[in-house]
N, C-alpha and C. Protein backbone atom coordinates (compact mmCIF):
# COMPACT_ATOMS: atom_id res chain seq x y z
N MET A 1 42.27 -16.74 -5.00
CA MET A 1 40.80 -16.77 -5.11
C MET A 1 40.19 -17.80 -4.12
N LEU A 2 40.57 -18.63 -4.29
CA LEU A 2 39.92 -19.92 -3.19
C LEU A 2 39.66 -19.92 -2.37
N GLN A 3 40.83 -18.79 -1.73
CA GLN A 3 40.62 -18.04 -0.33
C GLN A 3 39.77 -17.45 0.05
N LEU A 4 39.41 -16.48 -0.83
CA LEU A 4 38.63 -15.88 -0.86
C LEU A 4 37.00 -16.15 -1.02
N LEU A 5 37.03 -17.11 -1.76
CA LEU A 5 35.82 -17.98 -1.89
C LEU A 5 35.53 -18.05 -0.65
N LYS A 6 36.23 -19.48 0.22
CA LYS A 6 35.81 -19.60 1.56
C LYS A 6 35.47 -18.98 2.49
N THR A 7 36.50 -17.44 2.47
CA THR A 7 35.81 -16.68 3.11
C THR A 7 34.55 -15.62 2.96
N LEU A 8 34.09 -15.65 1.77
CA LEU A 8 32.81 -15.31 1.48
C LEU A 8 31.57 -16.32 2.32
N ARG A 9 32.29 -17.42 1.84
CA ARG A 9 31.24 -18.50 2.33
C ARG A 9 30.97 -18.44 3.92
N LEU A 10 32.43 -18.43 4.78
CA LEU A 10 31.46 -18.34 6.27
C LEU A 10 30.74 -17.39 6.44
N ARG A 11 30.98 -15.56 5.88
CA ARG A 11 30.18 -14.55 6.14
C ARG A 11 28.91 -14.73 5.82
N GLN A 12 28.29 -15.26 4.15
CA GLN A 12 27.16 -14.85 3.80
C GLN A 12 26.53 -16.19 4.66
N PRO A 13 25.36 -15.82 4.43
CA PRO A 13 24.16 -17.03 5.48
C PRO A 13 24.38 -17.97 4.37
N ALA A 14 23.89 -19.36 4.89
CA ALA A 14 23.41 -20.61 4.26
C ALA A 14 23.10 -20.39 2.73
N ARG A 15 21.58 -19.58 2.48
CA ARG A 15 21.23 -19.34 0.94
C ARG A 15 22.51 -18.72 0.40
N PHE A 16 22.87 -17.55 0.84
CA PHE A 16 23.62 -17.65 -0.10
C PHE A 16 25.03 -17.94 -0.53
N ALA A 17 25.43 -19.19 0.31
CA ALA A 17 26.35 -19.64 -0.17
C ALA A 17 25.78 -21.08 -0.72
N SER A 18 24.71 -21.29 -0.70
CA SER A 18 23.86 -22.56 -1.99
C SER A 18 23.81 -21.70 -3.08
N ALA A 19 23.43 -20.56 -3.55
CA ALA A 19 23.95 -19.81 -4.79
C ALA A 19 24.74 -19.36 -5.23
N LEU A 20 25.68 -19.29 -4.39
CA LEU A 20 27.60 -19.36 -4.70
C LEU A 20 27.69 -20.63 -5.40
N SER A 21 27.76 -21.32 -4.53
CA SER A 21 28.09 -22.80 -5.25
C SER A 21 27.39 -23.38 -6.39
N ASN A 22 25.89 -22.76 -6.63
CA ASN A 22 25.02 -23.46 -7.56
C ASN A 22 25.73 -22.33 -8.80
N THR A 23 26.34 -21.40 -8.72
CA THR A 23 26.83 -20.34 -10.08
C THR A 23 28.18 -20.62 -10.09
N ALA A 24 28.70 -21.24 -9.19
CA ALA A 24 30.27 -21.59 -9.93
C ALA A 24 30.24 -22.70 -10.45
N ALA A 25 29.16 -24.01 -10.12
CA ALA A 25 28.98 -24.93 -10.96
C ALA A 25 28.74 -24.58 -12.03
N ALA A 26 27.92 -23.42 -11.99
CA ALA A 26 27.13 -23.44 -13.77
C ALA A 26 28.12 -22.92 -14.91
N THR A 27 29.32 -22.57 -14.42
CA THR A 27 30.53 -22.09 -14.96
C THR A 27 31.08 -23.21 -14.98
N LEU A 28 31.19 -24.09 -15.03
CA LEU A 28 32.18 -24.88 -15.03
C LEU A 28 31.74 -26.02 -16.60
N PRO A 29 32.77 -26.27 -17.13
CA PRO A 29 32.38 -26.88 -18.47
C PRO A 29 31.76 -27.90 -18.45
N GLY A 30 30.48 -28.56 -19.10
CA GLY A 30 30.22 -29.74 -19.43
C GLY A 30 28.90 -30.16 -18.05
N THR A 31 28.92 -28.70 -17.11
CA THR A 31 27.66 -29.22 -16.39
C THR A 31 26.36 -28.20 -16.83
N GLU A 32 25.21 -28.70 -16.25
CA GLU A 32 24.15 -27.47 -17.03
C GLU A 32 23.60 -27.07 -15.53
N ALA A 33 23.49 -25.69 -15.36
CA ALA A 33 22.71 -25.48 -14.38
C ALA A 33 21.29 -25.26 -14.35
N THR A 34 19.96 -25.93 -13.80
CA THR A 34 19.02 -26.11 -13.50
C THR A 34 18.45 -24.72 -12.64
N PRO A 35 17.92 -23.84 -13.33
CA PRO A 35 17.11 -22.73 -12.69
C PRO A 35 16.57 -23.37 -11.38
N PRO A 36 15.94 -22.43 -10.47
CA PRO A 36 15.16 -22.89 -9.70
C PRO A 36 13.74 -22.71 -10.22
N ALA A 37 12.82 -23.57 -10.08
CA ALA A 37 11.35 -23.57 -10.39
C ALA A 37 10.74 -22.19 -9.50
N ILE A 38 10.23 -21.60 -10.02
CA ILE A 38 9.81 -20.81 -9.24
C ILE A 38 8.24 -21.03 -8.98
N VAL A 39 7.86 -21.42 -7.83
CA VAL A 39 6.39 -22.00 -7.75
C VAL A 39 5.54 -21.83 -6.44
N GLY A 40 4.77 -21.32 -6.61
CA GLY A 40 3.45 -20.31 -5.91
C GLY A 40 2.22 -20.35 -6.39
N GLU A 41 1.69 -19.16 -5.68
CA GLU A 41 0.60 -19.09 -6.47
C GLU A 41 0.26 -17.98 -7.27
N PRO A 42 -0.64 -17.99 -8.60
CA PRO A 42 -0.68 -16.57 -9.50
C PRO A 42 -1.05 -15.70 -8.23
N ASP A 43 -0.57 -14.57 -9.00
CA ASP A 43 -0.58 -13.07 -8.40
C ASP A 43 -2.45 -12.88 -8.48
N LYS A 44 -2.93 -12.60 -7.36
CA LYS A 44 -4.06 -11.85 -7.48
C LYS A 44 -4.54 -10.43 -8.06
N LEU A 45 -5.45 -10.34 -8.81
CA LEU A 45 -5.72 -9.31 -9.58
C LEU A 45 -7.05 -8.52 -8.59
N TYR A 46 -7.23 -7.36 -8.41
CA TYR A 46 -7.72 -6.22 -8.10
C TYR A 46 -8.34 -5.24 -8.83
N SER A 47 -9.51 -5.03 -8.73
CA SER A 47 -10.32 -3.93 -9.85
C SER A 47 -10.15 -2.75 -9.80
N LYS A 48 -10.12 -2.39 -7.93
CA LYS A 48 -9.98 -0.69 -7.23
C LYS A 48 -9.14 -0.63 -5.99
N LEU A 49 -9.05 0.54 -6.08
CA LEU A 49 -7.80 0.49 -4.22
C LEU A 49 -9.14 2.17 -4.19
N GLU A 50 -9.39 1.70 -2.90
CA GLU A 50 -9.89 3.45 -2.58
C GLU A 50 -9.23 3.82 -1.23
N ILE A 51 -8.32 5.12 -1.72
CA ILE A 51 -7.66 5.31 -0.64
C ILE A 51 -7.95 7.33 0.11
N GLU A 52 -8.74 6.46 1.32
CA GLU A 52 -9.21 8.16 1.91
C GLU A 52 -7.70 8.11 2.98
N LEU A 53 -7.86 9.84 3.14
CA LEU A 53 -6.79 10.32 3.92
C LEU A 53 -7.58 11.54 5.18
N ARG A 54 -7.06 11.59 5.57
CA ARG A 54 -7.42 12.67 7.14
C ARG A 54 -6.47 13.28 7.72
N GLY A 55 -6.47 14.61 7.84
CA GLY A 55 -5.85 15.02 8.27
C GLY A 55 -6.41 16.54 8.66
N ILE A 56 -5.28 17.31 9.48
CA ILE A 56 -5.67 19.12 9.68
C ILE A 56 -5.90 20.00 8.53
N ASP A 57 -4.54 19.59 7.96
CA ASP A 57 -4.38 20.72 7.16
C ASP A 57 -4.81 20.75 5.70
N PRO A 58 -5.32 21.10 5.31
CA PRO A 58 -5.64 20.64 3.68
C PRO A 58 -4.45 21.00 2.12
N ALA A 59 -3.74 22.06 2.71
CA ALA A 59 -2.87 22.02 2.06
C ALA A 59 -1.96 20.74 1.76
N VAL A 60 -1.43 20.17 2.90
CA VAL A 60 -0.74 19.22 3.14
C VAL A 60 -1.35 17.85 2.54
N LEU A 61 -2.94 18.01 2.60
CA LEU A 61 -3.53 16.42 2.27
C LEU A 61 -3.72 16.67 0.12
N LYS A 62 -2.90 17.96 -0.12
CA LYS A 62 -3.37 18.05 -1.65
C LYS A 62 -2.05 17.90 -2.38
N SER A 63 -0.49 18.20 -1.26
CA SER A 63 0.44 18.07 -1.50
C SER A 63 0.67 16.08 -2.12
N TYR A 64 0.24 15.53 -0.66
CA TYR A 64 0.43 14.52 -0.81
C TYR A 64 -0.94 13.40 -1.58
N THR A 65 -1.23 14.08 -1.92
CA THR A 65 -2.42 13.97 -2.93
C THR A 65 -1.40 13.50 -4.89
N TRP A 66 -0.85 14.83 -4.82
CA TRP A 66 -0.27 14.49 -5.99
C TRP A 66 0.91 13.83 -6.11
N PHE A 67 1.65 13.68 -4.37
CA PHE A 67 2.68 12.68 -4.76
C PHE A 67 2.34 11.20 -4.91
N ALA A 68 1.47 11.13 -4.20
CA ALA A 68 0.73 9.66 -4.73
C ALA A 68 0.29 9.34 -5.77
N THR A 69 -0.52 10.31 -6.38
CA THR A 69 -0.73 10.32 -8.18
C THR A 69 0.57 9.82 -8.82
N THR A 70 1.51 10.81 -8.91
CA THR A 70 2.51 10.68 -9.30
C THR A 70 3.49 8.96 -9.38
N ALA A 71 3.65 8.66 -8.02
CA ALA A 71 4.46 7.69 -7.82
C ALA A 71 3.08 6.29 -8.67
N ALA A 72 2.00 6.22 -8.67
CA ALA A 72 1.01 5.97 -9.53
C ALA A 72 1.19 6.00 -10.92
N GLU A 73 1.44 7.27 -11.22
CA GLU A 73 1.98 7.09 -12.45
C GLU A 73 3.59 6.32 -12.76
N HIS A 74 3.93 6.57 -12.07
CA HIS A 74 5.63 5.65 -12.50
C HIS A 74 5.22 4.65 -12.25
N LEU A 75 4.52 3.61 -11.78
CA LEU A 75 4.50 2.54 -11.89
C LEU A 75 3.41 1.73 -12.76
N GLY A 76 2.61 3.12 -13.55
CA GLY A 76 2.28 2.38 -14.73
C GLY A 76 0.52 2.13 -13.79
N ILE A 77 -0.33 2.72 -12.77
CA ILE A 77 -1.44 2.65 -12.14
C ILE A 77 -2.15 3.19 -12.81
N GLU A 78 -3.33 3.04 -13.05
CA GLU A 78 -4.48 3.63 -13.72
C GLU A 78 -4.98 4.43 -12.56
N LEU A 79 -5.76 5.92 -12.99
CA LEU A 79 -5.62 6.60 -11.76
C LEU A 79 -6.72 7.00 -11.99
N GLY A 80 -7.91 6.32 -11.21
CA GLY A 80 -9.75 6.69 -11.11
C GLY A 80 -10.10 8.57 -10.96
N LYS A 81 -10.53 8.66 -9.77
CA LYS A 81 -10.75 10.20 -9.21
C LYS A 81 -10.48 10.49 -8.55
N CYS A 82 -9.97 11.57 -8.20
CA CYS A 82 -9.66 12.05 -7.26
C CYS A 82 -10.49 13.58 -6.38
N TRP A 83 -10.90 13.44 -4.89
CA TRP A 83 -11.84 14.21 -4.99
C TRP A 83 -11.77 14.57 -3.27
N SER A 84 -12.18 16.03 -3.10
CA SER A 84 -12.30 15.86 -1.89
C SER A 84 -13.89 16.54 -1.43
N PRO A 85 -14.65 16.27 -0.53
CA PRO A 85 -15.60 17.29 0.10
C PRO A 85 -15.36 18.75 0.56
N ARG A 86 -15.92 19.65 -0.11
CA ARG A 86 -16.06 21.21 0.10
C ARG A 86 -16.17 21.47 1.80
N LYS A 87 -16.85 20.52 2.53
CA LYS A 87 -16.60 21.60 3.67
C LYS A 87 -15.87 20.21 4.74
N ALA A 88 -15.07 21.00 5.86
CA ALA A 88 -14.64 19.90 6.53
C ALA A 88 -15.71 19.95 7.82
N HIS A 89 -14.76 18.56 8.29
CA HIS A 89 -15.72 17.88 9.52
C HIS A 89 -15.29 18.23 10.79
N HIS A 90 -16.77 19.25 11.86
CA HIS A 90 -16.04 19.89 12.83
C HIS A 90 -16.06 19.48 13.74
N GLU A 91 -15.61 19.19 14.92
CA GLU A 91 -15.84 18.75 16.42
C GLU A 91 -15.56 19.78 17.03
N ARG A 92 -16.78 20.36 17.75
CA ARG A 92 -16.72 21.21 19.17
C ARG A 92 -16.52 21.06 20.62
N MET A 93 -15.75 21.19 21.60
CA MET A 93 -16.11 21.09 22.18
C MET A 93 -16.21 22.45 23.25
N THR A 94 -17.09 22.48 24.44
CA THR A 94 -17.72 23.77 25.01
C THR A 94 -16.84 23.11 26.72
N LEU A 95 -15.87 24.16 27.20
CA LEU A 95 -16.10 23.75 28.37
C LEU A 95 -15.66 25.57 29.67
N LEU A 96 -15.75 25.02 30.35
CA LEU A 96 -16.07 26.44 31.60
C LEU A 96 -15.03 26.79 31.75
N LYS A 97 -14.12 27.89 31.65
CA LYS A 97 -13.20 28.90 31.77
C LYS A 97 -13.00 28.03 33.83
N SER A 98 -13.94 28.38 34.40
CA SER A 98 -13.52 28.10 35.70
C SER A 98 -14.43 26.90 36.38
N VAL A 99 -13.63 26.42 37.78
CA VAL A 99 -14.15 24.89 37.72
C VAL A 99 -15.57 24.59 38.17
N HIS A 100 -15.62 25.42 39.65
CA HIS A 100 -17.04 25.74 40.54
C HIS A 100 -18.20 26.41 39.72
N ILE A 101 -17.72 28.55 39.73
CA ILE A 101 -19.00 28.94 39.69
C ILE A 101 -18.63 29.93 38.53
N TYR A 102 -19.54 31.05 37.58
CA TYR A 102 -19.18 31.09 36.43
C TYR A 102 -19.76 30.93 35.04
N LYS A 103 -20.73 30.21 36.08
CA LYS A 103 -21.05 29.21 34.40
C LYS A 103 -21.52 29.67 32.78
N LYS A 104 -21.57 31.12 32.86
CA LYS A 104 -21.91 31.43 31.58
C LYS A 104 -20.34 32.16 31.04
N HIS A 105 -19.48 32.04 31.59
CA HIS A 105 -17.88 32.11 31.00
C HIS A 105 -17.59 30.95 30.45
N ARG A 106 -17.17 30.38 29.47
CA ARG A 106 -17.23 29.46 28.72
C ARG A 106 -16.11 29.22 27.58
N VAL A 107 -15.96 28.32 27.18
CA VAL A 107 -14.09 28.00 26.19
C VAL A 107 -15.00 27.18 25.20
N GLN A 108 -14.93 27.57 23.76
CA GLN A 108 -14.92 26.52 22.69
C GLN A 108 -13.86 26.38 22.06
N TYR A 109 -13.27 24.92 21.55
CA TYR A 109 -12.48 24.34 20.87
C TYR A 109 -12.99 23.75 20.00
N GLU A 110 -12.41 24.27 18.75
CA GLU A 110 -13.00 23.13 17.12
C GLU A 110 -11.72 22.41 16.46
N ILE A 111 -11.93 21.49 16.12
CA ILE A 111 -10.99 20.38 15.44
C ILE A 111 -11.75 20.48 13.83
N ARG A 112 -11.14 20.77 13.36
CA ARG A 112 -11.40 20.45 11.84
C ARG A 112 -11.02 19.57 10.88
N THR A 113 -11.78 18.74 10.26
CA THR A 113 -10.45 17.46 10.29
C THR A 113 -11.17 17.33 8.54
N HIS A 114 -10.15 17.75 7.19
CA HIS A 114 -10.26 17.23 5.75
C HIS A 114 -10.18 16.32 5.56
N PHE A 115 -11.09 15.91 4.55
CA PHE A 115 -11.09 14.14 3.74
C PHE A 115 -10.63 14.54 2.34
N ARG A 116 -9.61 13.58 1.44
CA ARG A 116 -8.89 13.59 0.39
C ARG A 116 -9.58 11.91 -0.29
N TYR A 117 -10.05 11.79 -1.15
CA TYR A 117 -10.57 10.40 -1.70
C TYR A 117 -9.69 10.25 -3.11
N MET A 118 -8.89 9.05 -3.05
CA MET A 118 -8.07 8.71 -4.77
C MET A 118 -8.58 7.59 -4.85
N ASN A 119 -9.06 7.10 -6.22
CA ASN A 119 -9.36 5.43 -6.62
C ASN A 119 -8.30 5.01 -7.39
N PHE A 120 -7.66 4.37 -7.86
CA PHE A 120 -6.84 3.48 -8.30
C PHE A 120 -7.69 2.21 -8.73
N HIS A 121 -7.48 2.05 -10.56
CA HIS A 121 -8.12 0.75 -11.04
C HIS A 121 -7.28 0.00 -11.71
N LYS A 122 -7.78 -1.31 -11.81
CA LYS A 122 -6.66 -2.37 -12.54
C LYS A 122 -5.03 -2.54 -11.82
N LEU A 123 -5.63 -3.09 -10.60
CA LEU A 123 -4.16 -3.30 -10.26
C LEU A 123 -3.43 -4.91 -9.66
N THR A 124 -2.17 -5.49 -9.72
CA THR A 124 -1.92 -6.73 -9.38
C THR A 124 -2.09 -6.64 -8.26
N GLY A 125 -1.55 -8.13 -7.57
CA GLY A 125 -1.44 -7.91 -6.08
C GLY A 125 0.04 -7.93 -5.73
N SER A 126 1.63 -7.61 -6.50
CA SER A 126 2.60 -7.61 -5.84
C SER A 126 2.49 -5.89 -6.43
N THR A 127 1.97 -4.97 -7.42
CA THR A 127 1.95 -3.85 -7.55
C THR A 127 1.42 -3.28 -6.83
N LEU A 128 -0.06 -3.61 -6.17
CA LEU A 128 -0.61 -3.04 -5.23
C LEU A 128 -0.26 -3.30 -3.58
N ASP A 129 0.32 -3.99 -3.78
CA ASP A 129 1.58 -4.63 -2.25
C ASP A 129 2.68 -2.88 -2.09
N THR A 130 3.61 -3.19 -3.31
CA THR A 130 4.55 -2.31 -3.51
C THR A 130 4.17 -0.77 -3.22
N PHE A 131 3.00 -0.27 -4.29
CA PHE A 131 2.23 1.23 -4.12
C PHE A 131 2.14 1.19 -2.73
N LEU A 132 1.31 0.23 -1.79
CA LEU A 132 0.56 0.89 -1.21
C LEU A 132 2.02 0.93 0.34
N GLU A 133 2.86 -0.06 0.57
CA GLU A 133 3.81 0.35 1.18
C GLU A 133 4.81 1.43 0.78
N TYR A 134 5.18 2.20 -0.57
CA TYR A 134 5.54 3.32 -0.91
C TYR A 134 5.10 4.44 -0.23
N ILE A 135 3.74 4.27 -0.09
CA ILE A 135 2.59 5.81 -0.03
C ILE A 135 2.85 5.87 0.96
N GLU A 136 2.70 4.54 2.44
CA GLU A 136 2.78 4.33 3.72
C GLU A 136 3.94 5.02 4.04
N ARG A 137 4.89 4.42 3.86
CA ARG A 137 6.06 4.89 3.89
C ARG A 137 6.60 6.62 4.10
N ASN A 138 6.23 7.28 3.32
CA ASN A 138 5.83 8.49 2.99
C ASN A 138 4.91 9.40 3.68
N LEU A 139 4.56 8.75 4.37
CA LEU A 139 2.98 9.33 4.90
C LEU A 139 3.45 10.26 5.69
N PRO A 140 2.71 11.72 5.27
CA PRO A 140 3.71 12.25 6.46
C PRO A 140 3.00 13.07 8.15
N GLU A 141 3.48 13.26 8.74
CA GLU A 141 2.64 13.84 9.96
C GLU A 141 1.32 14.49 9.75
N GLY A 142 0.61 13.61 10.96
CA GLY A 142 -0.72 14.91 10.90
C GLY A 142 -1.87 13.77 9.92
N VAL A 143 -1.32 13.07 9.27
CA VAL A 143 -2.06 12.77 7.99
C VAL A 143 -2.43 11.11 8.00
N ALA A 144 -4.07 10.47 8.48
CA ALA A 144 -4.06 9.49 8.17
C ALA A 144 -4.72 8.55 7.03
N LEU A 145 -4.29 7.51 6.64
CA LEU A 145 -4.45 7.14 5.10
C LEU A 145 -5.90 5.54 5.48
N GLN A 146 -6.44 5.17 4.98
CA GLN A 146 -7.32 4.25 5.06
C GLN A 146 -7.43 3.37 3.73
N ALA A 147 -7.23 2.78 3.44
CA ALA A 147 -7.08 1.71 2.46
C ALA A 147 -7.58 0.58 2.41
N SER A 148 -8.97 0.78 1.13
CA SER A 148 -9.70 -0.61 0.94
C SER A 148 -9.62 -1.21 -1.03
N LYS A 149 -9.43 -2.46 -1.27
CA LYS A 149 -8.86 -2.73 -2.12
C LYS A 149 -10.47 -4.02 -2.13
N THR A 150 -10.49 -3.71 -3.32
CA THR A 150 -11.85 -5.19 -4.25
C THR A 150 -10.84 -5.64 -5.57
N GLU A 151 -10.30 -7.51 -4.81
CA GLU A 151 -10.08 -7.95 -5.06
C GLU A 151 -11.23 -8.73 -6.85
N LEU A 152 -10.73 -8.94 -7.35
CA LEU A 152 -11.43 -9.81 -8.69
C LEU A 152 -11.45 -11.94 -8.78
N GLN A 153 -12.00 -12.22 -8.30
CA GLN A 153 -12.31 -13.45 -8.49
C GLN A 153 -13.32 -14.05 -9.27
N GLN A 154 -13.12 -15.51 -9.74
CA GLN A 154 -13.52 -16.23 -10.56
C GLN A 154 -14.81 -16.59 -9.92
N ILE A 155 -15.89 -16.91 -10.80
CA ILE A 155 -17.14 -17.36 -10.47
C ILE A 155 -17.43 -18.59 -10.09
N PRO A 156 -17.82 -18.83 -9.19
CA PRO A 156 -17.58 -20.31 -8.12
C PRO A 156 -18.46 -21.62 -9.89
N GLU A 157 -17.98 -22.81 -9.80
CA GLU A 157 -18.57 -23.31 -10.98
C GLU A 157 -19.60 -23.74 -10.63
N HIS A 158 -20.40 -24.05 -9.30
CA HIS A 158 -22.10 -23.71 -9.38
C HIS A 158 -22.58 -22.67 -9.86
N LEU A 159 -22.48 -22.02 -10.35
CA LEU A 159 -23.02 -20.28 -10.66
C LEU A 159 -22.51 -20.41 -12.65
N ARG A 160 -21.38 -20.96 -12.63
CA ARG A 160 -21.34 -20.76 -14.34
C ARG A 160 -22.00 -21.73 -15.23
N GLN A 161 -22.59 -22.86 -14.81
CA GLN A 161 -23.74 -23.36 -15.62
C GLN A 161 -24.94 -22.83 -15.43
N PRO A 162 -26.12 -22.50 -16.35
CA PRO A 162 -27.17 -21.99 -15.77
C PRO A 162 -28.33 -23.16 -15.58
N PRO A 163 -29.31 -22.73 -14.54
CA PRO A 163 -30.07 -23.83 -14.20
C PRO A 163 -30.67 -24.34 -15.22
N GLU A 164 -31.24 -25.89 -15.11
CA GLU A 164 -31.84 -26.44 -16.06
C GLU A 164 -33.07 -26.20 -16.32
N GLN A 165 -33.67 -26.09 -14.94
CA GLN A 165 -35.32 -25.52 -15.18
C GLN A 165 -35.64 -24.74 -13.83
N VAL A 166 -36.63 -23.59 -14.21
CA VAL A 166 -36.35 -22.39 -13.91
C VAL A 166 -37.78 -22.50 -13.37
């Protein structure tokens, strides 16, 4: 058993070896293990997360919207408004068929970009980071995602007290 622990300590990085020794010390009678103090800043609060999706195929956007809203429900995130404009954004390019002459002979190419918008409300920083990473990793090909978040902050001290004279 002791040989197994030594090989584990040699194979594991230093942080796991120290955790292993802490747990071993905790099991010995007469010793008390103190849990490591979690020191850090408090979690941030966000009032709104706005997601804009752009893509060529509206069916893919609709399917991905369903995926993102289902993931939000599983994480307990409050869902806001999900909508898309009726018309797509058209970008047309007109080119000559011939390089030198025949100006009347032209070809038109068109790209249609469809948009979809989703809003999520009342998020914590850790939940927001987890949710964004999950939906970004599962983003389908041909879809662009842009996220903007609105953070809640405390009112500064100089604005909390009303002015003495107006």
